[in-house]
Amino acid sequence: MRALTLCLLIGLACATPTLATADIREERVHFQAGTSQTTLKGHLRGDSDVDYLLGAKAGQRMTVELHSDNPQNYFNVLPPGNDEAIFVGSSSGNRFEGTLPDSGDYRVRVYLMRPAARRGEQAHYSLKLHIGGAQVSHSSSQPQGHNPDFADGLAGGPDFWEVAGVAAGDTLNLRAGPSAHERVLGELGNGSILRNLGCKMTDGQRWCRVARPEDTRSEGWVAGRYLRESSYQP
């Protein structure tokens, strides 16, 4: 009874942790094969924040734009495994563009400012997300044959790849599956153009499903480290 009376006497303080703790919903973002961006539409009410999770590699470029019907609606960008935001929308605006410092899942947290959330306000918004290739660096510290424009991401990517970085006189094997043990379907030389059908990790190596632009029946898998973005237009 004494404990109940004490809580009633300081009821505002007892309620503060509940009011300050946002209900955060998580949504994993997947780009369609051949694309590197998407636009999501959503709705917020009160303190029901949303975390959009995007997998990315260190050095890639991320762009986020928020458009909302409520001026108290913002977003933050949180790096992998860290709750300290690298971008805070309430002080920096509703557009972020920057080079990502680490590999892993980034969180784009969409929220209402606390006063608006406590009033139970709503927001209808659209969120544009884009993850591009890493910036090109010509530093001699990079190993020979490495290019940051290569297939470093799993989510999305360009419409077409170009084979590059294969040793002189050698070829890149097109395989029946995402493994060096799979049957070889064909051989590809530097400069070969391939349609991007999506990438995945297998045994610590990135493999990409591809097809020749003129013949989709030639579909197979190649090692992603030998692919870079192509400007090819059919």
Protein backbone atom coordinates (compact mmCIF):
# COMPACT_ATOMS: atom_id res chain seq x y z
CA MET A 1 0.00 0.00 0.00
CA ARG A 2 2.86 2.36 0.89
CA ALA A 3 4.52 1.57 -2.48
CA LEU A 4 1.27 2.26 -4.33
CA THR A 5 0.80 5.55 -2.46
CA LEU A 6 4.38 6.58 -3.28
CA CYS A 7 3.87 5.85 -6.97
CA LEU A 8 0.62 7.80 -6.99
CA LEU A 9 2.35 10.76 -5.37
CA ILE A 10 5.06 10.77 -8.05
CA GLY A 11 2.87 9.42 -10.81
CA LEU A 12 4.36 11.64 -13.50
CA ALA A 13 7.88 10.34 -12.84
CA CYS A 14 6.65 6.73 -12.79
CA ALA A 15 5.03 7.16 -16.21
CA THR A 16 8.00 8.85 -17.89
CA PRO A 17 9.87 5.68 -19.02
CA THR A 18 6.73 4.39 -20.77
CA LEU A 19 6.10 7.69 -22.53
CA ALA A 20 9.72 8.04 -23.63
CA THR A 21 10.03 4.51 -25.03
CA ALA A 22 8.98 4.47 -28.67
CA ASP A 23 7.23 1.50 -30.25
CA ILE A 24 9.71 0.79 -33.07
CA ARG A 25 8.60 -1.45 -35.92
CA GLU A 26 11.27 -2.99 -38.17
CA GLU A 27 10.95 -3.47 -41.91
CA ARG A 28 13.64 -5.06 -44.10
CA VAL A 29 14.15 -3.25 -47.42
CA HIS A 30 14.85 -5.36 -50.52
CA PHE A 31 15.61 -3.75 -53.86
CA GLN A 32 14.41 -5.53 -56.98
CA ALA A 33 17.13 -7.12 -59.10
CA GLY A 34 18.57 -4.60 -61.52
CA THR A 35 17.68 -1.61 -59.33
CA SER A 36 19.54 0.32 -56.65
CA GLN A 37 16.71 2.42 -55.24
CA THR A 38 13.12 2.27 -54.07
CA THR A 39 10.43 4.59 -52.71
CA LEU A 40 8.39 3.48 -49.71
CA LYS A 41 5.15 4.98 -48.47
CA GLY A 42 4.14 4.84 -44.83
CA HIS A 43 2.03 6.21 -42.01
CA LEU A 44 2.98 7.17 -38.46
CA ARG A 45 0.81 7.88 -35.45
CA GLY A 46 2.15 9.04 -32.11
CA ASP A 47 5.40 7.41 -31.00
CA SER A 48 5.17 4.37 -33.30
CA ASP A 49 8.53 4.80 -35.06
CA VAL A 50 9.65 2.69 -38.03
CA ASP A 51 13.16 1.31 -38.65
CA TYR A 52 13.93 0.49 -42.29
CA LEU A 53 16.88 -1.95 -42.47
CA LEU A 54 19.21 -1.88 -45.48
CA GLY A 55 22.29 -4.04 -45.93
CA ALA A 56 25.26 -2.16 -47.39
CA LYS A 57 29.05 -2.25 -47.67
CA ALA A 58 31.58 0.22 -46.33
CA GLY A 59 32.37 2.83 -48.98
CA GLN A 60 29.02 2.64 -50.73
CA ARG A 61 26.96 5.81 -51.14
CA MET A 62 23.54 6.11 -49.50
CA THR A 63 20.90 8.72 -50.29
CA VAL A 64 17.70 9.11 -48.26
CA GLU A 65 14.91 11.62 -48.91
CA LEU A 66 11.77 12.05 -46.83
CA HIS A 67 8.59 13.84 -47.94
CA SER A 68 5.81 14.16 -45.37
CA ASP A 69 2.55 15.98 -44.74
CA ASN A 70 3.67 16.69 -41.15
CA PRO A 71 6.57 19.13 -40.59
CA GLN A 72 7.40 17.31 -37.33
CA ASN A 73 8.22 14.10 -39.25
CA TYR A 74 11.96 13.33 -39.60
CA PHE A 75 14.39 10.44 -40.00
CA ASN A 76 17.75 9.44 -38.53
CA VAL A 77 20.40 7.14 -40.01
CA LEU A 78 21.98 4.65 -37.59
CA PRO A 79 25.10 2.60 -38.45
CA PRO A 80 25.39 -1.18 -37.90
CA GLY A 81 25.31 -2.21 -34.24
CA ASN A 82 25.24 1.36 -32.93
CA ASP A 83 22.42 3.52 -31.61
CA GLU A 84 24.37 6.75 -32.15
CA ALA A 85 23.00 8.27 -35.36
CA ILE A 86 25.35 9.41 -38.13
CA PHE A 87 22.56 11.68 -39.40
CA VAL A 88 19.84 13.42 -37.37
CA GLY A 89 17.02 14.79 -39.47
CA SER A 90 15.58 17.17 -36.88
CA SER A 91 18.81 19.21 -37.04
CA SER A 92 20.02 18.44 -40.58
CA GLY A 93 16.85 18.31 -42.69
CA ASN A 94 15.03 15.62 -44.61
CA ARG A 95 17.77 14.62 -47.06
CA PHE A 96 20.88 12.56 -46.35
CA GLU A 97 23.67 11.70 -48.76
CA GLY A 98 26.95 10.23 -47.67
CA THR A 99 29.58 7.50 -47.89
CA LEU A 100 28.94 4.64 -45.48
CA PRO A 101 31.74 3.98 -42.96
CA ASP A 102 31.00 0.32 -42.14
CA SER A 103 29.49 -2.83 -43.63
CA GLY A 104 26.26 -4.25 -42.23
CA ASP A 105 22.62 -3.30 -41.65
CA TYR A 106 21.89 0.41 -41.57
CA ARG A 107 18.69 1.69 -39.95
CA VAL A 108 16.71 4.57 -41.36
CA ARG A 109 14.49 5.48 -38.42
CA VAL A 110 11.36 7.48 -39.32
CA TYR A 111 9.67 9.24 -36.42
CA LEU A 112 7.63 12.16 -35.14
CA MET A 113 9.22 14.67 -32.80
CA ARG A 114 8.33 13.84 -29.20
CA PRO A 115 5.90 16.76 -28.60
CA ALA A 116 3.99 15.83 -31.77
CA ALA A 117 4.10 12.14 -30.85
CA ARG A 118 2.70 12.81 -27.38
CA ARG A 119 -0.15 14.78 -28.95
CA GLY A 120 -0.97 11.71 -31.03
CA GLU A 121 -0.29 13.46 -34.34
CA GLN A 122 -0.10 11.52 -37.61
CA ALA A 123 2.11 11.68 -40.68
CA HIS A 124 1.79 10.24 -44.17
CA TYR A 125 5.18 10.08 -45.83
CA SER A 126 7.21 8.76 -48.75
CA LEU A 127 10.81 7.66 -48.24
CA LYS A 128 13.22 7.41 -51.17
CA LEU A 129 16.20 5.11 -50.57
CA HIS A 130 19.22 4.66 -52.83
CA ILE A 131 22.46 2.74 -52.33
CA GLY A 132 25.10 3.18 -55.03
CA GLY A 133 28.51 1.72 -55.77
CA ALA A 134 31.56 2.67 -53.77
CA GLN A 135 33.52 5.73 -54.81
CA VAL A 136 36.41 4.99 -57.15
CA SER A 137 39.81 5.42 -55.56
CA HIS A 138 43.07 5.26 -57.47
CA SER A 139 45.17 4.75 -54.36
CA SER A 140 48.14 2.45 -54.91
CA SER A 141 47.31 0.78 -51.59
CA GLN A 142 44.49 -1.17 -53.26
CA PRO A 143 45.38 -4.68 -54.45
CA GLN A 144 45.80 -5.05 -58.19
CA GLY A 145 42.56 -5.88 -59.97
CA HIS A 146 40.35 -4.50 -57.16
CA ASN A 147 37.85 -1.81 -58.05
CA PRO A 148 35.25 -0.40 -55.63
CA ASP A 149 32.72 -0.34 -58.47
CA PHE A 150 32.65 -4.14 -58.47
CA ALA A 151 29.64 -6.14 -57.25
CA ASP A 152 30.03 -5.31 -53.56
CA GLY A 153 26.33 -5.16 -52.62
CA LEU A 154 23.57 -7.76 -52.35
CA ALA A 155 20.61 -5.37 -52.47
CA GLY A 156 19.85 -4.17 -55.99
CA GLY A 157 22.70 -3.00 -58.19
CA PRO A 158 22.93 -1.85 -61.82
CA ASP A 159 20.93 -3.29 -64.71
CA PHE A 160 24.09 -4.62 -66.35
CA TRP A 161 27.52 -5.78 -65.25
CA GLU A 162 30.81 -5.80 -67.17
CA VAL A 163 33.40 -8.52 -66.61
CA ALA A 164 36.68 -6.96 -65.47
CA GLY A 165 39.78 -7.82 -63.47
CA VAL A 166 40.30 -11.27 -65.02
CA ALA A 167 43.99 -12.04 -65.54
CA ALA A 168 45.40 -11.70 -69.07
CA GLY A 169 44.82 -14.85 -71.08
CA ASP A 170 42.27 -16.15 -68.57
CA THR A 171 38.45 -16.22 -68.54
CA LEU A 172 35.64 -16.05 -65.99
CA ASN A 173 33.63 -19.25 -65.62
CA LEU A 174 29.85 -19.08 -65.94
CA ARG A 175 28.59 -21.79 -63.60
CA ALA A 176 25.32 -23.65 -63.04
CA GLY A 177 25.14 -22.51 -59.39
CA PRO A 178 26.75 -20.11 -56.88
CA SER A 179 29.83 -22.21 -56.15
CA ALA A 180 33.24 -22.93 -57.66
CA HIS A 181 32.27 -26.62 -57.56
CA GLU A 182 29.27 -26.19 -59.87
CA ARG A 183 29.34 -27.26 -63.52
CA VAL A 184 30.89 -24.75 -65.96
CA LEU A 185 28.37 -23.54 -68.55
CA GLY A 186 30.63 -21.16 -70.43
CA GLU A 187 33.61 -18.81 -70.32
CA LEU A 188 33.57 -15.01 -70.28
CA GLY A 189 36.36 -12.60 -71.07
CA ASN A 190 37.03 -9.08 -69.82
CA GLY A 191 34.52 -6.63 -71.31
CA SER A 192 31.66 -9.15 -71.53
CA ILE A 193 28.30 -7.49 -70.76
CA LEU A 194 25.89 -9.38 -68.51
CA ARG A 195 22.38 -8.69 -67.27
CA ASN A 196 22.17 -8.44 -63.46
CA LEU A 197 19.72 -10.97 -61.97
CA GLY A 198 20.77 -10.55 -58.32
CA CYS A 199 23.64 -11.53 -56.01
CA LYS A 200 24.01 -13.67 -52.87
CA MET A 201 26.70 -14.78 -50.43
CA THR A 202 27.86 -18.41 -50.51
CA ASP A 203 30.67 -19.68 -48.26
CA GLY A 204 31.91 -16.13 -47.70
CA GLN A 205 32.05 -15.27 -51.41
CA ARG A 206 29.67 -13.08 -53.38
CA TRP A 207 28.09 -14.77 -56.40
CA CYS A 208 25.88 -13.06 -58.96
CA ARG A 209 23.25 -14.59 -61.21
CA VAL A 210 23.64 -13.19 -64.73
CA ALA A 211 22.58 -13.68 -68.33
CA ARG A 212 23.80 -12.40 -71.67
CA PRO A 213 21.69 -9.40 -72.80
CA GLU A 214 20.83 -10.99 -76.13
CA ASP A 215 20.08 -14.46 -74.77
CA THR A 216 18.35 -14.88 -71.39
CA ARG A 217 18.67 -18.66 -71.78
CA SER A 218 22.40 -18.30 -71.13
CA GLU A 219 21.70 -17.71 -67.43
CA GLY A 220 24.29 -18.75 -64.84
CA TRP A 221 26.40 -17.67 -61.85
CA VAL A 222 29.75 -15.88 -61.72
CA ALA A 223 32.06 -14.65 -58.94
CA GLY A 224 31.00 -11.09 -58.06
CA ARG A 225 34.55 -9.84 -57.56
CA TYR A 226 35.02 -9.90 -61.33
CA LEU A 227 32.00 -7.71 -62.07
CA ARG A 228 31.70 -3.96 -62.19
CA GLU A 229 28.85 -1.64 -63.11
CA SER A 230 28.31 -1.18 -66.85
CA SER A 231 26.78 1.78 -68.69
CA TYR A 232 25.45 -0.57 -71.39
CA GLN A 233 22.03 0.36 -72.77
CA PRO A 234 20.15 -2.24 -74.85
